[in-house]
Amino acid sequence: MADTDNQETETGATPVVAPTKKETATSAASVEPRFAKVQFQESHQFTQIEKDTLNVLLADDQDYTISEARRVLAEWLKKEVK
């Protein structure tokens, strides 16, 4: 047997193939919990200034992961002052 992907083994069982890095990253991202804007205000993971900024930047009717909230903060901080 040169190529065992999607083929049965001699015992009749289909071999188990480990997920790729991309599949693992996708499934891990989909498992990350989402939080409402108000929940970030109660979080201990953000400073008071970050909480105040998120209060302005995040939409009231949308849920965000912690990494999404951090990305929103980072993008806002990189903006040029006008």
PDB file of N, CA and C in Angstrom:
ATOM      1  N   MET A   1       0.836  -1.188   0.000  1.00  0.00           N
ATOM      2  CA  MET A   1       0.000   0.000   0.000  1.00  0.00           C
ATOM      3  C   MET A   1       0.871   1.238   0.000  1.00  0.00           C
ATOM      4  N   ALA A   2       0.912   1.935  -1.095  1.00  0.00           N
ATOM      5  CA  ALA A   2       1.731   3.131  -1.186  1.00  0.00           C
ATOM      6  C   ALA A   2       1.017   4.324  -0.602  1.00  0.00           C
ATOM      7  N   ASP A   3      -0.263   4.481  -0.895  1.00  0.00           N
ATOM      8  CA  ASP A   3      -1.024   5.628  -0.427  1.00  0.00           C
ATOM      9  C   ASP A   3      -2.199   5.120   0.387  1.00  0.00           C
ATOM     10  N   THR A   4      -2.232   5.444   1.699  1.00  0.00           N
ATOM     11  CA  THR A   4      -3.276   4.900   2.562  1.00  0.00           C
ATOM     12  C   THR A   4      -4.392   5.892   2.832  1.00  0.00           C
ATOM     13  N   ASP A   5      -4.325   7.110   2.278  1.00  0.00           N
ATOM     14  CA  ASP A   5      -5.393   8.077   2.504  1.00  0.00           C
ATOM     15  C   ASP A   5      -6.701   7.552   1.953  1.00  0.00           C
ATOM     16  N   ASN A   6      -7.730   7.588   2.782  1.00  0.00           N
ATOM     17  CA  ASN A   6      -9.073   7.160   2.415  1.00  0.00           C
ATOM     18  C   ASN A   6      -9.140   5.722   1.925  1.00  0.00           C
ATOM     19  N   GLN A   7      -8.206   4.892   2.325  1.00  0.00           N
ATOM     20  CA  GLN A   7      -8.240   3.483   1.983  1.00  0.00           C
ATOM     21  C   GLN A   7      -8.320   2.677   3.260  1.00  0.00           C
ATOM     22  N   GLU A   8      -8.929   1.515   3.163  1.00  0.00           N
ATOM     23  CA  GLU A   8      -8.996   0.644   4.322  1.00  0.00           C
ATOM     24  C   GLU A   8      -7.676  -0.075   4.496  1.00  0.00           C
ATOM     25  N   THR A   9      -7.326  -0.364   5.735  1.00  0.00           N
ATOM     26  CA  THR A   9      -6.114  -1.128   6.002  1.00  0.00           C
ATOM     27  C   THR A   9      -6.424  -2.600   5.827  1.00  0.00           C
ATOM     28  N   GLU A  10      -5.431  -3.433   6.022  1.00  0.00           N
ATOM     29  CA  GLU A  10      -5.629  -4.870   5.885  1.00  0.00           C
ATOM     30  C   GLU A  10      -6.659  -5.395   6.871  1.00  0.00           C
ATOM     31  N   THR A  11      -6.842  -4.742   8.003  1.00  0.00           N
ATOM     32  CA  THR A  11      -7.821  -5.185   8.989  1.00  0.00           C
ATOM     33  C   THR A  11      -9.218  -4.675   8.666  1.00  0.00           C
ATOM     34  N   GLY A  12      -9.335  -3.837   7.638  1.00  0.00           N
ATOM     35  CA  GLY A  12     -10.642  -3.336   7.242  1.00  0.00           C
ATOM     36  C   GLY A  12     -10.988  -1.994   7.849  1.00  0.00           C
ATOM     37  N   ALA A  13     -10.139  -1.449   8.700  1.00  0.00           N
ATOM     38  CA  ALA A  13     -10.415  -0.170   9.338  1.00  0.00           C
ATOM     39  C   ALA A  13      -9.816   0.963   8.520  1.00  0.00           C
ATOM     40  N   THR A  14     -10.482   2.091   8.492  1.00  0.00           N
ATOM     41  CA  THR A  14      -9.958   3.263   7.821  1.00  0.00           C
ATOM     42  C   THR A  14      -8.928   3.908   8.734  1.00  0.00           C
ATOM     43  N   PRO A  15      -7.717   4.185   8.231  1.00  0.00           N
ATOM     44  CA  PRO A  15      -6.690   4.770   9.089  1.00  0.00           C
ATOM     45  C   PRO A  15      -7.084   6.175   9.559  1.00  0.00           C
ATOM     46  N   VAL A  16      -6.655   6.509  10.752  1.00  0.00           N
ATOM     47  CA  VAL A  16      -6.925   7.833  11.313  1.00  0.00           C
ATOM     48  C   VAL A  16      -5.855   8.785  10.816  1.00  0.00           C
ATOM     49  N   VAL A  17      -6.280   9.907  10.270  1.00  0.00           N
ATOM     50  CA  VAL A  17      -5.354  10.910   9.755  1.00  0.00           C
ATOM     51  C   VAL A  17      -5.450  12.123  10.656  1.00  0.00           C
ATOM     52  N   ALA A  18      -4.321  12.587  11.157  1.00  0.00           N
ATOM     53  CA  ALA A  18      -4.291  13.752  12.043  1.00  0.00           C
ATOM     54  C   ALA A  18      -4.695  14.992  11.266  1.00  0.00           C
ATOM     55  N   PRO A  19      -5.406  15.937  11.928  1.00  0.00           N
ATOM     56  CA  PRO A  19      -5.790  17.171  11.242  1.00  0.00           C
ATOM     57  C   PRO A  19      -4.568  18.008  10.901  1.00  0.00           C
ATOM     58  N   THR A  20      -4.676  18.772   9.839  1.00  0.00           N
ATOM     59  CA  THR A  20      -3.591  19.664   9.449  1.00  0.00           C
ATOM     60  C   THR A  20      -3.532  20.840  10.412  1.00  0.00           C
ATOM     61  N   LYS A  21      -2.461  21.624  10.345  1.00  0.00           N
ATOM     62  CA  LYS A  21      -2.337  22.800  11.205  1.00  0.00           C
ATOM     63  C   LYS A  21      -3.472  23.782  10.934  1.00  0.00           C
ATOM     64  N   LYS A  22      -3.841  23.927   9.650  1.00  0.00           N
ATOM     65  CA  LYS A  22      -4.908  24.848   9.294  1.00  0.00           C
ATOM     66  C   LYS A  22      -6.239  24.384   9.873  1.00  0.00           C
ATOM     67  N   GLU A  23      -6.523  23.091   9.795  1.00  0.00           N
ATOM     68  CA  GLU A  23      -7.767  22.555  10.353  1.00  0.00           C
ATOM     69  C   GLU A  23      -7.796  22.729  11.861  1.00  0.00           C
ATOM     70  N   THR A  24      -6.663  22.507  12.524  1.00  0.00           N
ATOM     71  CA  THR A  24      -6.586  22.672  13.964  1.00  0.00           C
ATOM     72  C   THR A  24      -6.809  24.127  14.353  1.00  0.00           C
ATOM     73  N   ALA A  25      -6.201  25.052  13.637  1.00  0.00           N
ATOM     74  CA  ALA A  25      -6.363  26.477  13.928  1.00  0.00           C
ATOM     75  C   ALA A  25      -7.809  26.911  13.707  1.00  0.00           C
ATOM     76  N   THR A  26      -8.434  26.395  12.656  1.00  0.00           N
ATOM     77  CA  THR A  26      -9.815  26.757  12.367  1.00  0.00           C
ATOM     78  C   THR A  26     -10.741  26.246  13.457  1.00  0.00           C
ATOM     79  N   SER A  27     -10.543  25.006  13.888  1.00  0.00           N
ATOM     80  CA  SER A  27     -11.415  24.463  14.913  1.00  0.00           C
ATOM     81  C   SER A  27     -11.173  25.146  16.255  1.00  0.00           C
ATOM     82  N   ALA A  28      -9.934  25.532  16.550  1.00  0.00           N
ATOM     83  CA  ALA A  28      -9.637  26.226  17.797  1.00  0.00           C
ATOM     84  C   ALA A  28     -10.269  27.614  17.798  1.00  0.00           C
ATOM     85  N   ALA A  29     -10.249  28.275  16.657  1.00  0.00           N
ATOM     86  CA  ALA A  29     -10.842  29.606  16.568  1.00  0.00           C
ATOM     87  C   ALA A  29     -12.347  29.543  16.730  1.00  0.00           C
ATOM     88  N   SER A  30     -12.960  28.500  16.231  1.00  0.00           N
ATOM     89  CA  SER A  30     -14.413  28.399  16.328  1.00  0.00           C
ATOM     90  C   SER A  30     -14.856  28.044  17.738  1.00  0.00           C
ATOM     91  N   VAL A  31     -13.937  27.555  18.572  1.00  0.00           N
ATOM     92  CA  VAL A  31     -14.272  27.181  19.938  1.00  0.00           C
ATOM     93  C   VAL A  31     -14.113  28.361  20.889  1.00  0.00           C
ATOM     94  N   GLU A  32     -13.370  29.362  20.501  1.00  0.00           N
ATOM     95  CA  GLU A  32     -13.115  30.511  21.359  1.00  0.00           C
ATOM     96  C   GLU A  32     -14.442  31.178  21.737  1.00  0.00           C
ATOM     97  N   PRO A  33     -14.684  31.386  23.030  1.00  0.00           N
ATOM     98  CA  PRO A  33     -15.964  31.968  23.456  1.00  0.00           C
ATOM     99  C   PRO A  33     -16.126  33.416  23.004  1.00  0.00           C
ATOM    100  N   ARG A  34     -17.376  33.803  22.840  1.00  0.00           N
ATOM    101  CA  ARG A  34     -17.703  35.160  22.412  1.00  0.00           C
ATOM    102  C   ARG A  34     -18.395  35.873  23.573  1.00  0.00           C
ATOM    103  N   PHE A  35     -18.163  37.172  23.659  1.00  0.00           N
ATOM    104  CA  PHE A  35     -18.686  37.952  24.769  1.00  0.00           C
ATOM    105  C   PHE A  35     -19.385  39.209  24.259  1.00  0.00           C
ATOM    106  N   ALA A  36     -20.385  39.640  24.992  1.00  0.00           N
ATOM    107  CA  ALA A  36     -21.079  40.887  24.691  1.00  0.00           C
ATOM    108  C   ALA A  36     -20.209  42.055  25.160  1.00  0.00           C
ATOM    109  N   LYS A  37     -20.471  43.198  24.590  1.00  0.00           N
ATOM    110  CA  LYS A  37     -19.720  44.411  24.917  1.00  0.00           C
ATOM    111  C   LYS A  37     -19.714  44.676  26.425  1.00  0.00           C
ATOM    112  N   VAL A  38     -20.838  44.506  27.067  1.00  0.00           N
ATOM    113  CA  VAL A  38     -20.946  44.773  28.503  1.00  0.00           C
ATOM    114  C   VAL A  38     -20.065  43.821  29.320  1.00  0.00           C
ATOM    115  N   GLN A  39     -19.845  42.621  28.834  1.00  0.00           N
ATOM    116  CA  GLN A  39     -18.999  41.674  29.554  1.00  0.00           C
ATOM    117  C   GLN A  39     -17.538  42.097  29.560  1.00  0.00           C
ATOM    118  N   PHE A  40     -17.116  42.805  28.536  1.00  0.00           N
ATOM    119  CA  PHE A  40     -15.742  43.303  28.520  1.00  0.00           C
ATOM    120  C   PHE A  40     -15.545  44.367  29.603  1.00  0.00           C
ATOM    121  N   GLN A  41     -16.598  45.071  29.953  1.00  0.00           N
ATOM    122  CA  GLN A  41     -16.505  46.089  30.990  1.00  0.00           C
ATOM    123  C   GLN A  41     -16.250  45.480  32.365  1.00  0.00           C
ATOM    124  N   GLU A  42     -16.631  44.228  32.543  1.00  0.00           N
ATOM    125  CA  GLU A  42     -16.451  43.533  33.819  1.00  0.00           C
ATOM    126  C   GLU A  42     -15.182  42.673  33.839  1.00  0.00           C
ATOM    127  N   SER A  43     -14.488  42.611  32.733  1.00  0.00           N
ATOM    128  CA  SER A  43     -13.331  41.738  32.581  1.00  0.00           C
ATOM    129  C   SER A  43     -12.119  42.253  33.351  1.00  0.00           C
ATOM    130  N   HIS A  44     -11.323  41.314  33.832  1.00  0.00           N
ATOM    131  CA  HIS A  44     -10.064  41.664  34.501  1.00  0.00           C
ATOM    132  C   HIS A  44      -8.889  41.577  33.528  1.00  0.00           C
ATOM    133  N   GLN A  45      -9.160  41.258  32.268  1.00  0.00           N
ATOM    134  CA  GLN A  45      -8.097  41.111  31.269  1.00  0.00           C
ATOM    135  C   GLN A  45      -7.754  42.427  30.573  1.00  0.00           C
ATOM    136  N   PHE A  46      -8.533  43.456  30.831  1.00  0.00           N
ATOM    137  CA  PHE A  46      -8.319  44.751  30.182  1.00  0.00           C
ATOM    138  C   PHE A  46      -8.173  45.832  31.241  1.00  0.00           C
ATOM    139  N   THR A  47      -7.367  46.839  30.927  1.00  0.00           N
ATOM    140  CA  THR A  47      -7.228  47.982  31.832  1.00  0.00           C
ATOM    141  C   THR A  47      -8.496  48.833  31.735  1.00  0.00           C
ATOM    142  N   GLN A  48      -8.655  49.760  32.647  1.00  0.00           N
ATOM    143  CA  GLN A  48      -9.839  50.631  32.611  1.00  0.00           C
ATOM    144  C   GLN A  48      -9.868  51.472  31.339  1.00  0.00           C
ATOM    145  N   ILE A  49      -8.714  51.924  30.901  1.00  0.00           N
ATOM    146  CA  ILE A  49      -8.644  52.713  29.660  1.00  0.00           C
ATOM    147  C   ILE A  49      -9.056  51.858  28.470  1.00  0.00           C
ATOM    148  N   GLU A  50      -8.576  50.600  28.432  1.00  0.00           N
ATOM    149  CA  GLU A  50      -8.969  49.695  27.349  1.00  0.00           C
ATOM    150  C   GLU A  50     -10.471  49.416  27.382  1.00  0.00           C
ATOM    151  N   LYS A  51     -11.020  49.246  28.571  1.00  0.00           N
ATOM    152  CA  LYS A  51     -12.465  49.022  28.708  1.00  0.00           C
ATOM    153  C   LYS A  51     -13.253  50.222  28.193  1.00  0.00           C
ATOM    154  N   ASP A  52     -12.814  51.423  28.551  1.00  0.00           N
ATOM    155  CA  ASP A  52     -13.487  52.634  28.082  1.00  0.00           C
ATOM    156  C   ASP A  52     -13.426  52.741  26.560  1.00  0.00           C
ATOM    157  N   THR A  53     -12.271  52.414  26.002  1.00  0.00           N
ATOM    158  CA  THR A  53     -12.101  52.463  24.549  1.00  0.00           C
ATOM    159  C   THR A  53     -12.982  51.423  23.870  1.00  0.00           C
ATOM    160  N   LEU A  54     -13.005  50.202  24.398  1.00  0.00           N
ATOM    161  CA  LEU A  54     -13.848  49.156  23.835  1.00  0.00           C
ATOM    162  C   LEU A  54     -15.325  49.536  23.916  1.00  0.00           C
ATOM    163  N   ASN A  55     -15.704  50.215  24.973  1.00  0.00           N
ATOM    164  CA  ASN A  55     -17.090  50.651  25.134  1.00  0.00           C
ATOM    165  C   ASN A  55     -17.526  51.549  23.977  1.00  0.00           C
ATOM    166  N   VAL A  56     -16.598  52.334  23.469  1.00  0.00           N
ATOM    167  CA  VAL A  56     -16.890  53.223  22.348  1.00  0.00           C
ATOM    168  C   VAL A  56     -16.796  52.482  21.014  1.00  0.00           C
ATOM    169  N   LEU A  57     -15.809  51.600  20.877  1.00  0.00           N
ATOM    170  CA  LEU A  57     -15.521  50.982  19.586  1.00  0.00           C
ATOM    171  C   LEU A  57     -16.404  49.775  19.240  1.00  0.00           C
ATOM    172  N   LEU A  58     -16.829  49.016  20.230  1.00  0.00           N
ATOM    173  CA  LEU A  58     -17.602  47.800  19.962  1.00  0.00           C
ATOM    174  C   LEU A  58     -19.088  48.099  19.814  1.00  0.00           C
ATOM    175  N   ALA A  59     -19.745  47.338  18.968  1.00  0.00           N
ATOM    176  CA  ALA A  59     -21.191  47.492  18.749  1.00  0.00           C
ATOM    177  C   ALA A  59     -21.955  46.827  19.891  1.00  0.00           C
ATOM    178  N   ASP A  60     -23.061  47.442  20.295  1.00  0.00           N
ATOM    179  CA  ASP A  60     -23.867  46.921  21.399  1.00  0.00           C
ATOM    180  C   ASP A  60     -24.497  45.566  21.083  1.00  0.00           C
ATOM    181  N   ASP A  61     -24.874  45.350  19.848  1.00  0.00           N
ATOM    182  CA  ASP A  61     -25.630  44.154  19.477  1.00  0.00           C
ATOM    183  C   ASP A  61     -24.777  43.041  18.878  1.00  0.00           C
ATOM    184  N   GLN A  62     -23.472  43.077  19.087  1.00  0.00           N
ATOM    185  CA  GLN A  62     -22.579  42.086  18.504  1.00  0.00           C
ATOM    186  C   GLN A  62     -21.717  41.465  19.591  1.00  0.00           C
ATOM    187  N   ASP A  63     -21.372  40.188  19.431  1.00  0.00           N
ATOM    188  CA  ASP A  63     -20.482  39.494  20.360  1.00  0.00           C
ATOM    189  C   ASP A  63     -19.092  39.404  19.751  1.00  0.00           C
ATOM    190  N   TYR A  64     -18.066  39.407  20.601  1.00  0.00           N
ATOM    191  CA  TYR A  64     -16.678  39.405  20.161  1.00  0.00           C
ATOM    192  C   TYR A  64     -15.873  38.389  20.962  1.00  0.00           C
ATOM    193  N   THR A  65     -14.850  37.829  20.334  1.00  0.00           N
ATOM    194  CA  THR A  65     -13.893  37.019  21.084  1.00  0.00           C
ATOM    195  C   THR A  65     -12.891  37.979  21.712  1.00  0.00           C
ATOM    196  N   ILE A  66     -12.119  37.494  22.654  1.00  0.00           N
ATOM    197  CA  ILE A  66     -11.106  38.344  23.288  1.00  0.00           C
ATOM    198  C   ILE A  66     -10.078  38.778  22.252  1.00  0.00           C
ATOM    199  N   SER A  67      -9.702  37.864  21.361  1.00  0.00           N
ATOM    200  CA  SER A  67      -8.712  38.228  20.342  1.00  0.00           C
ATOM    201  C   SER A  67      -9.273  39.268  19.377  1.00  0.00           C
ATOM    202  N   GLU A  68     -10.563  39.204  19.064  1.00  0.00           N
ATOM    203  CA  GLU A  68     -11.175  40.226  18.210  1.00  0.00           C
ATOM    204  C   GLU A  68     -11.177  41.583  18.911  1.00  0.00           C
ATOM    205  N   ALA A  69     -11.487  41.596  20.202  1.00  0.00           N
ATOM    206  CA  ALA A  69     -11.489  42.847  20.962  1.00  0.00           C
ATOM    207  C   ALA A  69     -10.080  43.441  21.015  1.00  0.00           C
ATOM    208  N   ARG A  70      -9.086  42.592  21.226  1.00  0.00           N
ATOM    209  CA  ARG A  70      -7.697  43.075  21.247  1.00  0.00           C
ATOM    210  C   ARG A  70      -7.285  43.610  19.875  1.00  0.00           C
ATOM    211  N   ARG A  71      -7.744  42.967  18.803  1.00  0.00           N
ATOM    212  CA  ARG A  71      -7.438  43.427  17.446  1.00  0.00           C
ATOM    213  C   ARG A  71      -8.074  44.789  17.201  1.00  0.00           C
ATOM    214  N   VAL A  72      -9.324  44.985  17.644  1.00  0.00           N
ATOM    215  CA  VAL A  72     -10.004  46.281  17.486  1.00  0.00           C
ATOM    216  C   VAL A  72      -9.222  47.362  18.220  1.00  0.00           C
ATOM    217  N   LEU A  73      -8.778  47.065  19.432  1.00  0.00           N
ATOM    218  CA  LEU A  73      -7.972  48.036  20.191  1.00  0.00           C
ATOM    219  C   LEU A  73      -6.665  48.354  19.464  1.00  0.00           C
ATOM    220  N   ALA A  74      -5.981  47.330  18.989  1.00  0.00           N
ATOM    221  CA  ALA A  74      -4.692  47.523  18.312  1.00  0.00           C
ATOM    222  C   ALA A  74      -4.855  48.359  17.051  1.00  0.00           C
ATOM    223  N   GLU A  75      -5.895  48.080  16.272  1.00  0.00           N
ATOM    224  CA  GLU A  75      -6.129  48.850  15.043  1.00  0.00           C
ATOM    225  C   GLU A  75      -6.448  50.305  15.367  1.00  0.00           C
ATOM    226  N   TRP A  76      -7.207  50.535  16.416  1.00  0.00           N
ATOM    227  CA  TRP A  76      -7.561  51.897  16.814  1.00  0.00           C
ATOM    228  C   TRP A  76      -6.312  52.657  17.266  1.00  0.00           C
ATOM    229  N   LEU A  77      -5.452  51.973  18.012  1.00  0.00           N
ATOM    230  CA  LEU A  77      -4.239  52.623  18.493  1.00  0.00           C
ATOM    231  C   LEU A  77      -3.262  52.962  17.375  1.00  0.00           C
ATOM    232  N   LYS A  78      -3.313  52.235  16.261  1.00  0.00           N
ATOM    233  CA  LYS A  78      -2.419  52.486  15.134  1.00  0.00           C
ATOM    234  C   LYS A  78      -2.895  53.607  14.227  1.00  0.00           C
ATOM    235  N   LYS A  79      -4.138  54.049  14.396  1.00  0.00           N
ATOM    236  CA  LYS A  79      -4.674  55.097  13.533  1.00  0.00           C
ATOM    237  C   LYS A  79      -3.926  56.406  13.723  1.00  0.00           C
ATOM    238  N   GLU A  80      -3.813  57.134  12.639  1.00  0.00           N
ATOM    239  CA  GLU A  80      -3.151  58.438  12.681  1.00  0.00           C
ATOM    240  C   GLU A  80      -4.097  59.471  13.305  1.00  0.00           C
ATOM    241  N   VAL A  81      -3.549  60.291  14.144  1.00  0.00           N
ATOM    242  CA  VAL A  81      -4.326  61.359  14.772  1.00  0.00           C
ATOM    243  C   VAL A  81      -4.558  62.462  13.762  1.00  0.00           C
ATOM    244  N   LYS A  82      -5.797  62.929  13.680  1.00  0.00           N
ATOM    245  CA  LYS A  82      -6.127  63.986  12.712  1.00  0.00           C
ATOM    246  C   LYS A  82      -6.277  65.311  13.408  1.00  0.00           C
TER     247      LYS A  82
END
